[in-house]
Protein backbone atom coordinates (compact mmCIF):
# COMPACT_ATOMS: atom_id res chain seq x y z
CA MET A 1 10.29 -11.48 -70.32
CA MET A 2 7.09 -10.20 -68.77
CA GLN A 3 6.74 -6.42 -68.82
CA LEU A 4 5.94 -4.85 -65.41
CA THR A 5 2.85 -2.71 -65.34
CA LYS A 6 2.90 0.91 -64.30
CA HIS A 7 1.14 0.12 -61.00
CA ILE A 8 3.58 -2.65 -60.11
CA LYS A 9 6.49 -0.26 -60.70
CA ILE A 10 4.84 2.32 -58.43
CA ALA A 11 4.25 -0.35 -55.75
CA ILE A 12 7.91 -1.42 -55.89
CA GLY A 13 9.03 2.22 -55.61
CA CYS A 14 6.72 2.85 -52.62
CA PHE A 15 7.88 -0.34 -50.96
CA GLY A 16 11.47 0.82 -51.42
CA VAL A 17 10.58 4.14 -49.76
CA ALA A 18 9.11 2.24 -46.79
CA ILE A 19 12.24 0.06 -46.48
CA PHE A 20 14.45 3.14 -46.68
CA GLY A 21 12.38 4.88 -43.96
CA LEU A 22 12.67 1.78 -41.78
CA LEU A 23 16.42 1.44 -42.23
CA PHE A 24 17.22 5.15 -42.05
CA GLY A 25 14.99 5.97 -39.11
CA TRP A 26 15.57 2.94 -36.94
CA VAL A 27 19.03 1.68 -37.94
CA ILE A 28 21.22 4.14 -39.85
CA PHE A 29 20.43 7.41 -38.00
CA PRO A 30 20.59 5.91 -34.46
CA THR A 31 23.89 4.22 -35.34
CA VAL A 32 25.37 7.42 -36.75
CA LEU A 33 24.03 9.44 -33.80
CA LYS A 34 25.47 7.01 -31.27
CA SER A 35 28.81 6.95 -33.05
CA GLN A 36 28.92 10.76 -33.18
CA LEU A 37 27.94 11.08 -29.50
CA LYS A 38 30.68 8.66 -28.53
CA LYS A 39 33.17 11.02 -30.15
CA GLU A 40 31.60 14.23 -28.82
CA MET A 41 31.07 13.01 -25.22
CA SER A 42 34.66 11.90 -24.68
CA LEU A 43 37.24 14.19 -23.09
CA SER A 44 39.22 14.42 -26.29
CA PRO A 45 41.11 17.72 -26.61
CA LYS A 46 39.07 18.44 -29.76
CA THR A 47 35.58 18.20 -28.26
CA ASP A 48 33.40 21.04 -26.97
CA ILE A 49 32.50 18.96 -23.92
CA ARG A 50 36.19 18.92 -22.95
CA GLN A 51 36.29 22.73 -22.87
CA MET A 52 33.11 22.90 -20.80
CA TRP A 53 34.42 20.19 -18.46
CA MET A 54 37.66 22.08 -17.89
CA LYS A 55 35.94 25.38 -17.14
CA ILE A 56 32.20 25.60 -16.67
CA PRO A 57 31.27 28.74 -18.63
CA PHE A 58 28.63 29.87 -16.18
CA ALA A 59 28.33 30.21 -12.41
CA LEU A 60 26.74 27.58 -10.21
CA ASP A 61 24.36 28.57 -7.42
CA PHE A 62 25.98 28.10 -4.02
CA LYS A 63 23.63 28.77 -1.11
CA ILE A 64 24.62 28.48 2.53
CA TYR A 65 22.16 28.26 5.42
CA LEU A 66 23.58 28.81 8.93
CA PHE A 67 22.01 27.60 12.16
CA ASN A 68 21.86 30.26 14.84
CA TYR A 69 21.67 28.89 18.43
CA THR A 70 19.17 30.91 20.43
CA ASN A 71 19.96 29.26 23.79
CA ALA A 72 23.75 28.86 23.77
CA GLU A 73 24.09 29.55 27.52
CA GLU A 74 21.52 26.86 28.34
CA VAL A 75 23.15 24.36 25.97
CA HIS A 76 26.45 24.94 27.77
CA LYS A 77 24.65 23.75 30.90
CA GLY A 78 23.13 20.68 29.23
CA ALA A 79 19.90 21.88 27.58
CA ILE A 80 18.65 20.66 24.20
CA PRO A 81 19.80 23.09 21.50
CA ILE A 82 17.22 25.38 19.90
CA VAL A 83 18.23 26.58 16.45
CA LYS A 84 16.92 29.01 13.88
CA GLU A 85 17.94 28.79 10.24
CA VAL A 86 19.48 31.95 8.76
CA GLY A 87 19.88 32.11 5.00
CA PRO A 88 20.40 31.64 2.25
CA TYR A 89 23.67 33.45 1.82
CA TYR A 90 24.03 33.31 -1.95
CA PHE A 91 27.37 32.92 -3.73
CA GLU A 92 28.27 32.51 -7.35
CA GLU A 93 30.53 29.48 -7.68
CA TRP A 94 32.89 29.28 -10.63
CA LYS A 95 34.51 25.88 -11.14
CA GLU A 96 37.66 25.26 -13.12
CA LYS A 97 40.20 22.47 -13.61
CA VAL A 98 43.83 23.48 -13.78
CA GLU A 99 47.20 21.81 -14.39
CA VAL A 100 45.43 19.50 -16.84
CA GLU A 101 47.57 16.79 -18.47
CA ASP A 102 46.60 14.06 -20.96
CA HIS A 103 48.06 10.57 -20.77
CA GLU A 104 47.60 8.89 -24.15
CA ASP A 105 48.89 5.46 -23.10
CA THR A 106 46.23 4.98 -20.39
CA ASP A 107 43.50 7.16 -21.97
CA THR A 108 43.42 9.25 -18.77
CA ILE A 109 43.65 12.88 -17.79
CA THR A 110 44.91 14.46 -14.56
CA TYR A 111 43.87 17.76 -13.05
CA LYS A 112 43.53 19.87 -9.91
CA ARG A 113 40.40 21.79 -8.87
CA LEU A 114 40.06 25.55 -8.57
CA ASP A 115 36.83 27.01 -7.18
CA LYS A 116 35.98 30.69 -6.75
CA TYR A 117 33.10 32.16 -4.76
CA TYR A 118 31.53 35.62 -5.03
CA PHE A 119 28.98 36.83 -2.49
CA LYS A 120 25.76 38.25 -3.98
CA LYS A 121 23.88 40.19 -1.33
CA GLU A 122 21.00 40.98 -3.69
CA LEU A 123 20.33 37.27 -4.26
CA SER A 124 20.61 36.29 -0.60
CA GLY A 125 17.72 36.01 1.86
CA PRO A 126 15.66 39.14 2.56
CA GLY A 127 17.71 41.72 4.44
CA LEU A 128 20.82 39.55 4.77
CA THR A 129 24.13 41.39 4.36
CA GLY A 130 26.60 38.86 5.76
CA GLU A 131 27.22 41.04 8.82
CA GLU A 132 24.61 39.24 10.98
CA LEU A 133 25.90 37.89 14.31
CA ILE A 134 25.69 34.11 14.32
CA VAL A 135 25.95 31.98 17.46
CA MET A 136 26.93 28.35 16.90
CA PRO A 137 29.29 25.74 18.39
CA HIS A 138 32.77 26.83 17.37
CA PRO A 139 33.64 24.47 14.49
CA PHE A 140 37.38 24.62 15.01
CA LEU A 141 37.43 24.34 18.79
CA MET A 142 34.87 21.53 18.92
CA ALA A 143 36.82 19.67 16.21
CA MET A 144 40.01 20.02 18.25
CA VAL A 145 38.27 18.66 21.33
CA GLY A 146 36.98 15.69 19.35
CA VAL A 147 40.38 14.84 17.88
CA VAL A 148 42.24 15.13 21.20
CA LEU A 149 39.57 13.15 23.06
CA LYS A 150 39.95 10.28 20.60
CA GLU A 151 43.72 10.29 20.13
CA LYS A 152 45.23 11.86 23.29
CA PRO A 153 42.54 12.22 25.98
CA ALA A 154 45.15 12.93 28.64
CA MET A 155 45.90 16.27 26.95
CA LEU A 156 42.35 17.62 27.29
CA ASN A 157 43.26 19.52 30.45
CA MET A 158 46.09 21.31 28.65
CA ILE A 159 43.78 22.05 25.71
CA GLY A 160 41.40 23.74 28.16
CA LYS A 161 44.19 25.95 29.46
CA ALA A 162 45.27 26.78 25.92
CA PHE A 163 41.73 27.85 25.01
CA ASN A 164 41.65 30.14 28.04
CA GLY A 165 44.83 31.83 26.83
CA ILE A 166 44.01 31.99 23.12
CA PHE A 167 40.38 33.08 23.55
CA ASP A 168 40.69 35.07 26.79
CA ASN A 169 38.80 32.72 29.12
CA PRO A 170 35.77 31.97 26.92
CA PRO A 171 32.52 31.27 28.84
CA ASP A 172 31.73 28.33 26.54
CA LEU A 173 32.69 26.69 23.24
CA PHE A 174 30.33 28.77 21.10
CA ALA A 175 31.43 31.13 18.35
CA ARG A 176 29.73 34.52 18.19
CA GLU A 177 30.85 35.87 14.85
CA LYS A 178 29.58 37.64 11.75
CA ALA A 179 28.27 35.31 9.05
CA LEU A 180 30.87 36.20 6.40
CA ASP A 181 33.68 35.93 8.96
CA LEU A 182 32.60 32.37 9.75
CA LEU A 183 32.20 31.48 6.10
CA PHE A 184 35.10 33.16 4.25
CA ARG A 185 36.81 36.12 5.90
CA GLY A 186 37.98 34.24 8.98
CA THR A 187 37.70 34.40 12.77
CA VAL A 188 40.81 35.19 14.81
CA ILE A 189 42.76 32.58 16.74
CA ASN A 190 45.22 34.59 18.83
CA CYS A 191 48.47 32.66 18.90
CA SER A 192 50.63 35.53 20.13
CA ARG A 193 50.44 34.31 23.75
CA THR A 194 53.70 33.15 25.28
CA GLU A 195 52.36 30.83 27.99
CA PHE A 196 53.28 27.16 27.60
CA ALA A 197 49.83 25.68 26.85
CA PRO A 198 48.72 28.26 24.23
CA LYS A 199 52.16 28.21 22.60
CA ALA A 200 52.27 24.42 22.44
CA VAL A 201 48.79 24.19 20.92
CA CYS A 202 49.51 26.93 18.38
CA THR A 203 52.74 25.20 17.34
CA ALA A 204 50.78 21.98 16.78
CA LEU A 205 48.12 23.88 14.83
CA LYS A 206 50.68 25.40 12.50
CA LYS A 207 51.97 21.92 11.73
CA GLU A 208 48.79 19.83 11.66
CA ALA A 209 46.10 22.29 10.54
CA ALA A 210 47.94 24.21 7.84
CA ASN A 211 45.28 23.31 5.26
CA SER A 212 42.43 24.88 7.26
CA LEU A 213 44.06 28.06 8.63
CA ILE A 214 45.32 31.33 7.19
CA PHE A 215 48.46 32.50 8.97
CA GLY A 216 48.49 36.25 9.41
CA PRO A 217 51.07 38.66 10.90
CA ASN A 218 51.88 38.72 14.63
CA ASN A 219 50.86 35.04 15.01
CA GLN A 220 47.23 35.78 14.27
CA TYR A 221 45.64 32.70 12.71
CA LEU A 222 42.36 32.97 10.81
CA PHE A 223 39.85 30.12 10.60
CA SER A 224 36.84 29.99 8.27
CA LEU A 225 34.64 27.26 6.85
CA PHE A 226 35.32 27.96 3.16
CA GLY A 227 38.09 30.56 3.06
CA MET A 228 40.85 28.08 2.26
CA ARG A 229 38.86 26.73 -0.71
CA ASN A 230 38.22 30.10 -2.29
CA ALA A 231 40.43 30.90 -5.30
CA THR A 232 42.96 28.33 -4.07
CA VAL A 233 44.15 25.40 -6.16
CA ASP A 234 43.27 22.17 -4.37
CA SER A 235 46.38 20.13 -3.66
CA HIS A 236 44.90 16.78 -4.71
CA VAL A 237 45.69 15.48 -8.20
CA ILE A 238 42.70 13.61 -9.64
CA THR A 239 43.04 11.10 -12.48
CA VAL A 240 40.00 10.19 -14.59
CA LYS A 241 39.31 8.30 -17.80
CA ARG A 242 38.96 10.36 -20.99
CA GLY A 243 36.51 7.89 -22.55
CA MET A 244 38.13 7.92 -25.99
CA ASP A 245 38.65 4.14 -25.90
CA ASN A 246 35.28 3.49 -24.21
CA VAL A 247 32.89 6.41 -23.81
CA MET A 248 31.06 4.61 -20.98
CA ASP A 249 34.19 5.13 -18.83
CA VAL A 250 34.32 8.91 -19.40
CA GLY A 251 35.06 10.80 -16.20
CA LYS A 252 35.62 7.63 -14.17
CA VAL A 253 38.00 8.27 -11.25
CA VAL A 254 40.95 5.87 -11.34
CA ALA A 255 43.41 7.54 -8.94
CA ILE A 256 43.91 10.44 -6.53
CA ASP A 257 47.41 11.69 -5.85
CA GLY A 258 48.65 8.73 -7.86
CA LYS A 259 47.04 6.14 -5.57
CA PRO A 260 44.65 3.69 -7.29
CA GLU A 261 42.62 3.34 -4.08
CA MET A 262 42.24 4.80 -0.58
CA ASP A 263 43.64 3.21 2.56
CA GLN A 264 41.52 4.50 5.43
CA PHE A 265 38.58 2.11 5.08
CA ARG A 266 38.01 -1.62 4.58
CA ASP A 267 37.61 -3.75 1.46
CA SER A 268 35.60 -2.25 -1.44
CA CYS A 269 35.06 1.07 0.37
CA ASN A 270 38.65 1.97 -0.49
CA GLU A 271 37.87 1.79 -4.21
CA TYR A 272 37.16 4.80 -6.40
CA GLN A 273 33.78 3.95 -7.89
CA GLY A 274 32.08 6.16 -10.44
CA ALA A 275 32.68 9.40 -12.32
CA ASP A 276 34.11 12.57 -10.81
CA GLY A 277 30.69 14.24 -10.51
CA THR A 278 31.25 16.77 -13.30
CA ILE A 279 30.67 14.47 -16.30
CA PHE A 280 28.69 11.26 -16.74
CA PRO A 281 28.51 8.58 -19.46
CA PRO A 282 25.83 8.91 -22.18
CA PHE A 283 22.94 6.58 -23.09
CA LEU A 284 21.39 6.35 -19.61
CA THR A 285 18.43 4.05 -19.09
CA GLU A 286 16.00 3.88 -16.21
CA SER A 287 17.68 0.72 -14.95
CA ASP A 288 21.15 2.29 -14.83
CA ARG A 289 22.49 3.01 -11.34
CA LEU A 290 24.65 6.09 -11.56
CA GLU A 291 27.86 6.32 -9.58
CA SER A 292 29.96 9.34 -8.71
CA PHE A 293 32.94 9.62 -6.41
CA SER A 294 33.23 12.65 -4.11
CA ALA A 295 36.80 13.51 -3.14
CA ASP A 296 35.42 15.87 -0.47
CA PHE A 297 33.62 13.02 1.30
CA CYS A 298 35.96 10.14 0.40
CA ARG A 299 33.12 7.94 -0.83
CA SER A 300 30.95 7.09 -3.80
CA PHE A 301 27.31 8.02 -4.13
CA LYS A 302 24.80 6.00 -6.13
CA PRO A 303 21.69 8.01 -7.00
CA TRP A 304 18.71 5.96 -8.13
CA TYR A 305 16.09 6.64 -10.78
CA GLN A 306 12.86 8.19 -9.46
CA LYS A 307 10.69 9.34 -12.38
CA LYS A 308 10.43 10.98 -15.80
CA THR A 309 10.69 14.78 -15.81
CA SER A 310 11.41 17.58 -18.25
CA TYR A 311 13.57 20.70 -18.23
CA GLN A 312 12.75 23.59 -20.59
CA GLY A 313 11.06 21.23 -23.01
CA ILE A 314 13.75 18.51 -22.93
CA LYS A 315 12.79 15.11 -21.51
CA THR A 316 14.88 14.10 -18.50
CA ASN A 317 15.26 11.28 -15.99
CA ARG A 318 15.20 12.31 -12.34
CA TYR A 319 17.62 10.68 -9.93
CA ILE A 320 17.68 11.19 -6.16
CA ALA A 321 20.22 10.30 -3.48
CA ASN A 322 20.72 10.30 0.27
CA ILE A 323 23.44 9.56 2.80
CA GLY A 324 22.26 6.02 3.53
CA ASP A 325 22.20 3.72 6.54
CA TYR A 326 25.76 2.54 7.19
CA ALA A 327 24.90 -0.06 9.81
CA ASN A 328 22.29 -1.86 7.69
CA ASP A 329 23.59 -1.39 4.13
CA PRO A 330 26.18 -4.07 3.22
CA GLU A 331 27.74 -1.74 0.63
CA LEU A 332 28.38 0.93 3.29
CA GLN A 333 29.43 -1.17 6.29
CA CYS A 334 33.05 -1.26 5.18
CA TYR A 335 33.27 2.49 5.87
CA CYS A 336 32.94 1.57 9.59
CA ASP A 337 35.53 -0.26 11.70
CA THR A 338 32.74 -2.67 12.67
CA PRO A 339 28.97 -2.64 12.02
CA ASP A 340 28.50 -1.78 15.69
CA THR A 341 30.56 1.40 15.34
CA CYS A 342 28.62 2.75 12.33
CA PRO A 343 26.92 6.13 12.79
CA PRO A 344 23.11 6.26 13.10
CA LYS A 345 20.99 6.17 9.96
CA GLY A 346 21.40 9.25 7.77
CA LEU A 347 24.78 10.30 9.20
CA MET A 348 28.20 10.02 7.58
CA ASP A 349 31.31 10.24 9.76
CA LEU A 350 34.03 12.28 8.02
CA THR A 351 36.68 11.79 10.71
CA LYS A 352 38.86 9.51 8.55
CA CYS A 353 38.34 11.68 5.50
CA LEU A 354 38.87 15.16 6.95
CA GLY A 355 40.86 14.31 10.04
CA ALA A 356 38.21 16.06 12.14
CA PRO A 357 35.07 14.63 13.80
CA MET A 358 32.56 16.16 11.39
CA TYR A 359 29.30 14.47 10.45
CA VAL A 360 27.40 14.94 7.19
CA SER A 361 23.65 14.46 6.82
CA MET A 362 20.80 15.66 4.65
CA PRO A 363 19.60 19.18 5.62
CA HIS A 364 17.45 19.35 8.74
CA PHE A 365 18.32 15.66 9.38
CA LEU A 366 16.05 14.49 6.56
CA ASP A 367 15.95 10.65 6.44
CA CYS A 368 17.92 10.44 9.69
CA ASP A 369 17.35 8.28 12.77
CA PRO A 370 14.53 9.98 14.77
CA LYS A 371 16.80 10.02 17.84
CA ILE A 372 19.13 12.45 16.03
CA MET A 373 16.19 14.71 15.22
CA ALA A 374 15.02 14.60 18.84
CA GLY A 375 18.34 16.06 20.01
CA VAL A 376 17.68 19.47 18.41
CA LYS A 377 14.67 21.76 18.32
CA GLY A 378 13.81 24.06 15.42
CA LEU A 379 14.39 21.75 12.44
CA ASN A 380 11.77 21.05 9.77
CA PRO A 381 12.88 18.40 7.25
CA ASP A 382 11.13 18.62 3.87
CA ALA A 383 12.02 16.39 0.91
CA ASN A 384 11.14 19.13 -1.60
CA GLU A 385 13.57 21.55 0.05
CA HIS A 386 16.29 19.24 1.37
CA GLU A 387 16.62 16.29 -1.02
CA ILE A 388 19.47 15.63 -3.46
CA VAL A 389 17.91 15.82 -6.93
CA ILE A 390 19.50 15.54 -10.40
CA ASP A 391 17.66 15.70 -13.74
CA PHE A 392 19.71 13.97 -16.46
CA GLU A 393 19.21 14.18 -20.19
CA PRO A 394 19.57 10.43 -20.84
CA ILE A 395 21.03 10.44 -24.38
CA THR A 396 24.04 12.63 -23.58
CA GLY A 397 24.13 11.93 -19.82
CA THR A 398 24.14 15.68 -19.19
CA PRO A 399 22.75 16.96 -15.86
CA LEU A 400 20.46 19.78 -16.99
CA SER A 401 19.33 20.63 -13.45
CA ALA A 402 20.77 19.53 -10.11
CA LYS A 403 20.47 20.44 -6.46
CA GLN A 404 23.06 18.81 -4.22
CA ARG A 405 22.24 19.47 -0.58
CA VAL A 406 24.25 18.38 2.46
CA GLN A 407 24.42 19.47 6.08
CA PHE A 408 27.51 19.60 8.30
CA ASN A 409 27.25 18.71 11.97
CA LEU A 410 29.43 18.31 15.07
CA ARG A 411 29.01 16.32 18.24
CA LEU A 412 28.70 18.44 21.39
CA VAL A 413 31.17 16.26 23.27
CA LYS A 414 30.43 15.75 26.96
CA THR A 415 33.53 14.95 29.03
CA ASP A 416 34.61 15.58 32.62
CA LYS A 417 38.19 15.95 31.47
CA MET A 418 37.57 19.47 30.23
CA GLU A 419 35.70 22.18 32.14
CA LEU A 420 34.04 23.72 29.09
CA CYS A 421 32.60 20.34 28.03
CA LYS A 422 31.50 18.70 31.26
CA ASN A 423 27.84 19.69 30.97
CA LEU A 424 27.29 19.62 27.19
CA PRO A 425 24.30 17.49 26.05
CA ASP A 426 26.46 15.10 23.94
CA THR A 427 24.22 15.43 20.90
CA ILE A 428 24.79 15.86 17.15
CA ALA A 429 24.55 19.60 16.54
CA PRO A 430 23.89 21.11 13.08
CA LEU A 431 26.20 23.94 11.97
CA PHE A 432 25.14 24.78 8.41
CA TRP A 433 23.92 23.24 5.19
CA VAL A 434 24.73 24.04 1.58
CA GLU A 435 22.90 23.74 -1.72
CA GLU A 436 25.04 23.56 -4.82
CA GLY A 437 22.74 24.04 -7.77
CA ILE A 438 23.08 23.95 -11.52
CA GLY A 439 20.52 24.77 -14.18
CA LEU A 440 21.65 25.05 -17.79
CA ASN A 441 20.73 28.47 -19.12
CA SER A 442 18.59 29.06 -22.20
CA SER A 443 21.55 29.49 -24.57
CA PHE A 444 22.90 26.02 -23.78
CA ILE A 445 19.43 24.51 -23.96
CA LYS A 446 18.93 26.10 -27.41
CA MET A 447 22.29 24.74 -28.52
CA MET A 448 21.35 21.23 -27.39
CA LYS A 449 17.97 21.46 -29.08
CA HIS A 450 19.40 22.66 -32.41
CA GLN A 451 22.32 20.23 -32.47
CA LEU A 452 20.58 17.14 -31.17
CA PHE A 453 16.87 17.20 -30.40
CA ILE A 454 15.46 19.10 -33.39
CA PRO A 455 17.34 16.89 -35.91
CA LYS A 456 16.32 13.83 -33.88
CA ARG A 457 12.67 14.96 -33.88
CA VAL A 458 12.76 15.73 -37.61
CA VAL A 459 14.17 12.29 -38.33
CA GLY A 460 11.50 10.80 -36.07
CA VAL A 461 8.76 12.46 -38.10
CA VAL A 462 10.37 11.76 -41.48
CA ARG A 463 10.91 8.06 -40.74
CA TRP A 464 7.25 7.56 -39.89
CA LEU A 465 6.17 9.55 -42.97
CA LEU A 466 8.41 7.48 -45.24
CA LEU A 467 7.28 4.23 -43.69
CA THR A 468 3.58 5.11 -43.67
CA CYS A 469 3.46 6.71 -47.13
CA GLY A 470 5.55 3.90 -48.59
CA ILE A 471 3.30 1.17 -47.20
CA ILE A 472 0.07 2.98 -48.11
CA GLY A 473 1.39 3.80 -51.61
CA ALA A 474 2.49 0.21 -52.22
CA ILE A 475 -0.83 -1.20 -51.06
CA GLY A 476 -2.78 1.35 -53.15
CA ALA A 477 -0.78 0.61 -56.30
CA LEU A 478 -1.20 -3.14 -55.85
CA LEU A 479 -4.93 -2.70 -55.35
CA LEU A 480 -5.21 -0.71 -58.58
CA ASN A 481 -3.14 -3.21 -60.50
CA PHE A 482 -5.14 -6.24 -59.44
CA LYS A 483 -8.54 -4.61 -59.15
CA ASP A 484 -10.08 -6.78 -61.88
CA HIS A 485 -8.97 -9.95 -60.17
CA ILE A 486 -10.07 -8.62 -56.82
CA MET A 487 -13.49 -7.75 -58.22
CA HIS A 488 -13.73 -11.19 -59.80
CA TYR A 489 -13.15 -12.89 -56.47
CA ALA A 490 -15.07 -10.35 -54.43
CA VAL A 491 -18.32 -10.47 -56.57
CA PRO A 492 -19.59 -14.01 -57.50
CA PRO A 493 -20.85 -14.46 -61.20
CA VAL A 494 -24.64 -14.67 -61.99
CA GLU A 495 -25.88 -17.98 -63.72
CA ALA A 496 -27.46 -17.48 -67.23
CA SER A 497 -30.98 -19.15 -67.14
CA VAL A 498 -34.28 -18.64 -69.08
CA THR A 499 -37.59 -18.65 -67.34
CA LYS A 500 -40.39 -20.06 -69.43
CA VAL A 501 -43.62 -18.28 -69.11
CA GLN A 502 -46.83 -20.26 -69.91
CA PRO A 503 -49.45 -18.05 -71.58
CA GLU A 504 -52.77 -18.13 -69.89
CA GLU A 505 -55.93 -18.80 -71.85
CA ILE A 506 -57.78 -15.56 -71.82
CA GLU A 507 -61.41 -15.44 -72.71
CA GLN A 508 -61.61 -13.27 -75.67
CA LYS A 509 -64.28 -10.63 -75.56
CA GLU A 510 -65.34 -8.20 -78.11
CA ILE A 511 -63.78 -4.91 -77.47
CA SER A 512 -64.98 -1.75 -79.09
CA VAL A 513 -62.16 0.18 -80.41
CA ILE A 514 -62.59 3.58 -82.02
CA GLY A 515 -61.63 3.57 -85.58
CA GLN A 516 -62.07 -0.19 -86.04
CA GLU A 517 -64.06 -1.06 -89.24
CA ARG A 518 -67.14 -3.15 -88.75
CA GLU A 519 -70.26 -3.95 -90.64
CA PRO A 520 -72.92 -1.24 -90.24
CA PRO A 521 -76.17 -2.35 -88.59
CA LYS A 522 -78.97 -3.23 -90.80
CA VAL A 523 -82.06 -1.03 -90.74
CA GLU A 524 -85.42 -2.41 -91.66
CA MET A 525 -87.49 -0.38 -93.95
């Protein structure tokens, strides 16, 4: 058996190192990493992500911008509204899931939401205390008018009389309240009147609007935009996939209040499509179209990939979203009774979702039909300030930074059936917009880097070192081993030949050489 030379043994060893680097760096480590992430990214009771999903261990930014109407009296007479943005009013938002139950047989988990808000004056806009007087169309009264006009228009006259009793003959349908009263503390609806119309309306309110009113002593009802959500367990039970069977289903909404789909829309628009918005599947690619279902808006949103970004040194994929164009998007038309009844581009009608004629748009009517924008003065849409933006870490599917921005609007209903509404301009009027923001703090970023990205980067460097050194070492050893053969083929041999030199006949001449003996010259005597 032929004995291997030292150089051949070295070459085989180096080649083995290169193969190991190739397998370890491009096959074994990615497979192990993917397998480990599948376990860690599921909502198993043992995972860290489950604990963070149940209770986010840091506050989200919750900023509210109110629109103050500077010409309310003129709008009451039919003028185009002129608004001035006041804000932000900054709140810390703490999100938690309660009454959590696992269902092993279906690999699902059910929960209810609990949100808490804390006002931070020092982080709000310059000089804002929350005690500023804000003038805007009264959200509750305008919503009542819209509902009655659609369902029981004959009762509008009685509603007008009830408003006169409850609000002491208001000059118009505008609220003039302090900012924090409108947002959380509540504005008074005086239901202590004994006249027929006010009493009838208040009785209906207590029955139909219990989820949006706080009932105080002496029949004093309090209405606010967010008060009923603050530190109150939401009544809806949400069911999502845990992702233990298939991690790509993690967080996917499969039922709300036990119902596998909604019933207020048509066809596919009744389906729950996407995750619950608090967790997303891992291994995102640029071609993936994310989906998340919003229980607040009764619809799914599908952000699309925009570009590569980074957050505190971690590479991310940026996704953006908007409200859409219901009339011209086949996927959204089933939210409308007919394509002809869809709202204008950039508006979402929440009537069927909330039970009140509220419209959602992007802030300052960004990406809306220009006719909507023309109905209000004082707005300045800017994509950088008003767009929905989410930066995802693609391997784990974690949103490292997100700004979800939406604006809430009402229609200033014009109708002759009610004195307070007969001259209104019948336009979509903005009330406020919110920005819910998240940005993982440095401690979580460090944790992600140490647990995932630093090992991944080290492996990335090591695999190339092993592959490169192994290949170079193998080639070098082979070259040394076969250098004689290589030299033999690289340098051609020289032919052995003798060149015969013919001596030339040289005329011999006498040459005097010192020291050479010669006969002495003869001397005659």
